[in-house]
Amino acid sequence: MNKIAKFFLYLLLTCSGLFVVTFTIYILNLDMKMTSMIEPFLLRHYDRIDRDQHL
């Protein structure tokens, strides 16, 4: 195989792998599950911030 064919083969395999990973994350709803796990830490952080509530 020449260099161009190898490059396109690696590109195809990389894109296919990324598609499989993102499709799995979408189907299993892993992004929202991770967000629900880190939500308490984010809420604690943002609740500690002083706010200027003057109008």
N, C-alpha and C. Protein backbone atom coordinates (compact mmCIF):
# COMPACT_ATOMS: atom_id res chain seq x y z
N MET A 1 0.85 -1.18 0.00
CA MET A 1 0.00 0.00 0.00
C MET A 1 0.89 1.24 0.00
N ASN A 2 0.43 2.22 -0.69
CA ASN A 2 1.20 3.46 -0.68
C ASN A 2 0.77 4.34 0.50
N LYS A 3 1.46 5.44 0.67
CA LYS A 3 1.24 6.30 1.84
C LYS A 3 -0.15 6.91 1.85
N ILE A 4 -0.66 7.27 0.70
CA ILE A 4 -1.99 7.90 0.64
C ILE A 4 -3.07 6.91 1.04
N ALA A 5 -2.95 5.67 0.58
CA ALA A 5 -3.94 4.65 0.93
C ALA A 5 -3.90 4.35 2.42
N LYS A 6 -2.70 4.28 3.00
CA LYS A 6 -2.58 4.05 4.44
C LYS A 6 -3.17 5.20 5.23
N PHE A 7 -2.93 6.41 4.75
CA PHE A 7 -3.48 7.59 5.43
C PHE A 7 -5.00 7.53 5.45
N PHE A 8 -5.62 7.22 4.30
CA PHE A 8 -7.07 7.16 4.25
C PHE A 8 -7.62 5.98 5.04
N LEU A 9 -6.88 4.89 5.12
CA LEU A 9 -7.30 3.76 5.95
C LEU A 9 -7.29 4.15 7.42
N TYR A 10 -6.21 4.79 7.87
CA TYR A 10 -6.14 5.25 9.26
C TYR A 10 -7.22 6.29 9.55
N LEU A 11 -7.47 7.17 8.60
CA LEU A 11 -8.51 8.18 8.77
C LEU A 11 -9.88 7.53 8.90
N LEU A 12 -10.15 6.54 8.06
CA LEU A 12 -11.42 5.82 8.11
C LEU A 12 -11.58 5.08 9.44
N LEU A 13 -10.52 4.41 9.88
CA LEU A 13 -10.59 3.69 11.15
C LEU A 13 -10.76 4.63 12.34
N THR A 14 -10.09 5.76 12.30
CA THR A 14 -10.22 6.74 13.38
C THR A 14 -11.64 7.31 13.43
N CYS A 15 -12.17 7.68 12.29
CA CYS A 15 -13.53 8.22 12.25
C CYS A 15 -14.55 7.17 12.67
N SER A 16 -14.35 5.93 12.25
CA SER A 16 -15.27 4.86 12.65
C SER A 16 -15.21 4.63 14.16
N GLY A 17 -14.01 4.64 14.72
CA GLY A 17 -13.87 4.46 16.16
C GLY A 17 -14.53 5.58 16.94
N LEU A 18 -14.33 6.82 16.49
CA LEU A 18 -14.97 7.96 17.17
C LEU A 18 -16.49 7.88 17.06
N PHE A 19 -16.98 7.43 15.91
CA PHE A 19 -18.43 7.29 15.74
C PHE A 19 -18.99 6.25 16.71
N VAL A 20 -18.31 5.12 16.84
CA VAL A 20 -18.78 4.06 17.74
C VAL A 20 -18.80 4.56 19.19
N VAL A 21 -17.75 5.29 19.59
CA VAL A 21 -17.69 5.80 20.96
C VAL A 21 -18.80 6.81 21.21
N THR A 22 -18.98 7.78 20.32
CA THR A 22 -20.03 8.78 20.54
C THR A 22 -21.42 8.18 20.43
N PHE A 23 -21.61 7.20 19.56
CA PHE A 23 -22.92 6.54 19.46
C PHE A 23 -23.24 5.78 20.74
N THR A 24 -22.25 5.12 21.32
CA THR A 24 -22.45 4.40 22.58
C THR A 24 -22.80 5.37 23.71
N ILE A 25 -22.11 6.50 23.76
CA ILE A 25 -22.42 7.52 24.77
C ILE A 25 -23.84 8.02 24.60
N TYR A 26 -24.27 8.23 23.35
CA TYR A 26 -25.62 8.72 23.08
C TYR A 26 -26.68 7.68 23.45
N ILE A 27 -26.49 6.44 23.04
CA ILE A 27 -27.50 5.41 23.27
C ILE A 27 -27.65 5.11 24.76
N LEU A 28 -26.55 5.06 25.49
CA LEU A 28 -26.62 4.73 26.92
C LEU A 28 -26.84 5.95 27.81
N ASN A 29 -26.96 7.13 27.21
CA ASN A 29 -27.22 8.37 27.94
C ASN A 29 -26.14 8.65 28.98
N LEU A 30 -24.90 8.34 28.64
CA LEU A 30 -23.81 8.45 29.60
C LEU A 30 -23.47 9.89 29.93
N ASP A 31 -23.73 10.82 29.01
CA ASP A 31 -23.41 12.21 29.30
C ASP A 31 -24.27 12.76 30.42
N MET A 32 -25.55 12.43 30.44
CA MET A 32 -26.43 12.92 31.50
C MET A 32 -26.18 12.18 32.81
N LYS A 33 -25.77 10.93 32.73
CA LYS A 33 -25.44 10.20 33.95
C LYS A 33 -24.20 10.80 34.61
N MET A 34 -23.21 11.18 33.79
CA MET A 34 -22.02 11.81 34.35
C MET A 34 -22.36 13.18 34.92
N THR A 35 -23.22 13.92 34.23
CA THR A 35 -23.62 15.24 34.71
C THR A 35 -24.34 15.14 36.04
N SER A 36 -25.19 14.14 36.19
CA SER A 36 -25.90 13.99 37.47
C SER A 36 -24.95 13.59 38.59
N MET A 37 -23.83 12.95 38.26
CA MET A 37 -22.85 12.60 39.29
C MET A 37 -22.06 13.81 39.76
N ILE A 38 -21.75 14.75 38.86
CA ILE A 38 -20.94 15.90 39.26
C ILE A 38 -21.77 17.10 39.66
N GLU A 39 -23.09 17.01 39.53
CA GLU A 39 -23.96 18.14 39.88
C GLU A 39 -23.82 18.58 41.33
N PRO A 40 -23.76 17.68 42.32
CA PRO A 40 -23.62 18.16 43.70
C PRO A 40 -22.34 18.96 43.93
N PHE A 41 -21.24 18.58 43.28
CA PHE A 41 -20.00 19.32 43.42
C PHE A 41 -20.12 20.71 42.79
N LEU A 42 -20.78 20.78 41.63
CA LEU A 42 -20.96 22.07 40.98
C LEU A 42 -21.89 22.97 41.79
N LEU A 43 -22.96 22.42 42.33
CA LEU A 43 -23.88 23.22 43.14
C LEU A 43 -23.19 23.75 44.38
N ARG A 44 -22.40 22.92 45.03
CA ARG A 44 -21.68 23.36 46.22
C ARG A 44 -20.72 24.49 45.87
N HIS A 45 -20.04 24.37 44.75
CA HIS A 45 -19.10 25.41 44.32
C HIS A 45 -19.82 26.73 44.03
N TYR A 46 -20.89 26.68 43.26
CA TYR A 46 -21.56 27.90 42.86
C TYR A 46 -22.41 28.51 43.98
N ASP A 47 -22.81 27.71 44.96
CA ASP A 47 -23.53 28.26 46.10
C ASP A 47 -22.62 29.07 47.01
N ARG A 48 -21.32 28.81 46.98
CA ARG A 48 -20.36 29.54 47.81
C ARG A 48 -19.95 30.89 47.23
N ILE A 49 -20.28 31.15 46.00
CA ILE A 49 -19.86 32.40 45.35
C ILE A 49 -20.72 33.55 45.86
N ASP A 50 -20.06 34.63 46.27
CA ASP A 50 -20.79 35.82 46.70
C ASP A 50 -21.40 36.50 45.49
N ARG A 51 -22.64 36.96 45.68
CA ARG A 51 -23.34 37.62 44.58
C ARG A 51 -23.77 39.01 44.99
N ASP A 52 -23.66 39.91 44.04
CA ASP A 52 -24.15 41.28 44.25
C ASP A 52 -25.57 41.33 43.71
N GLN A 53 -26.53 41.43 44.63
CA GLN A 53 -27.93 41.36 44.23
C GLN A 53 -28.60 42.72 44.24
N HIS A 54 -27.84 43.78 44.19
CA HIS A 54 -28.42 45.12 44.18
C HIS A 54 -28.89 45.45 42.77
N LEU A 55 -30.03 46.07 42.71
CA LEU A 55 -30.55 46.49 41.41
C LEU A 55 -30.19 47.92 41.11
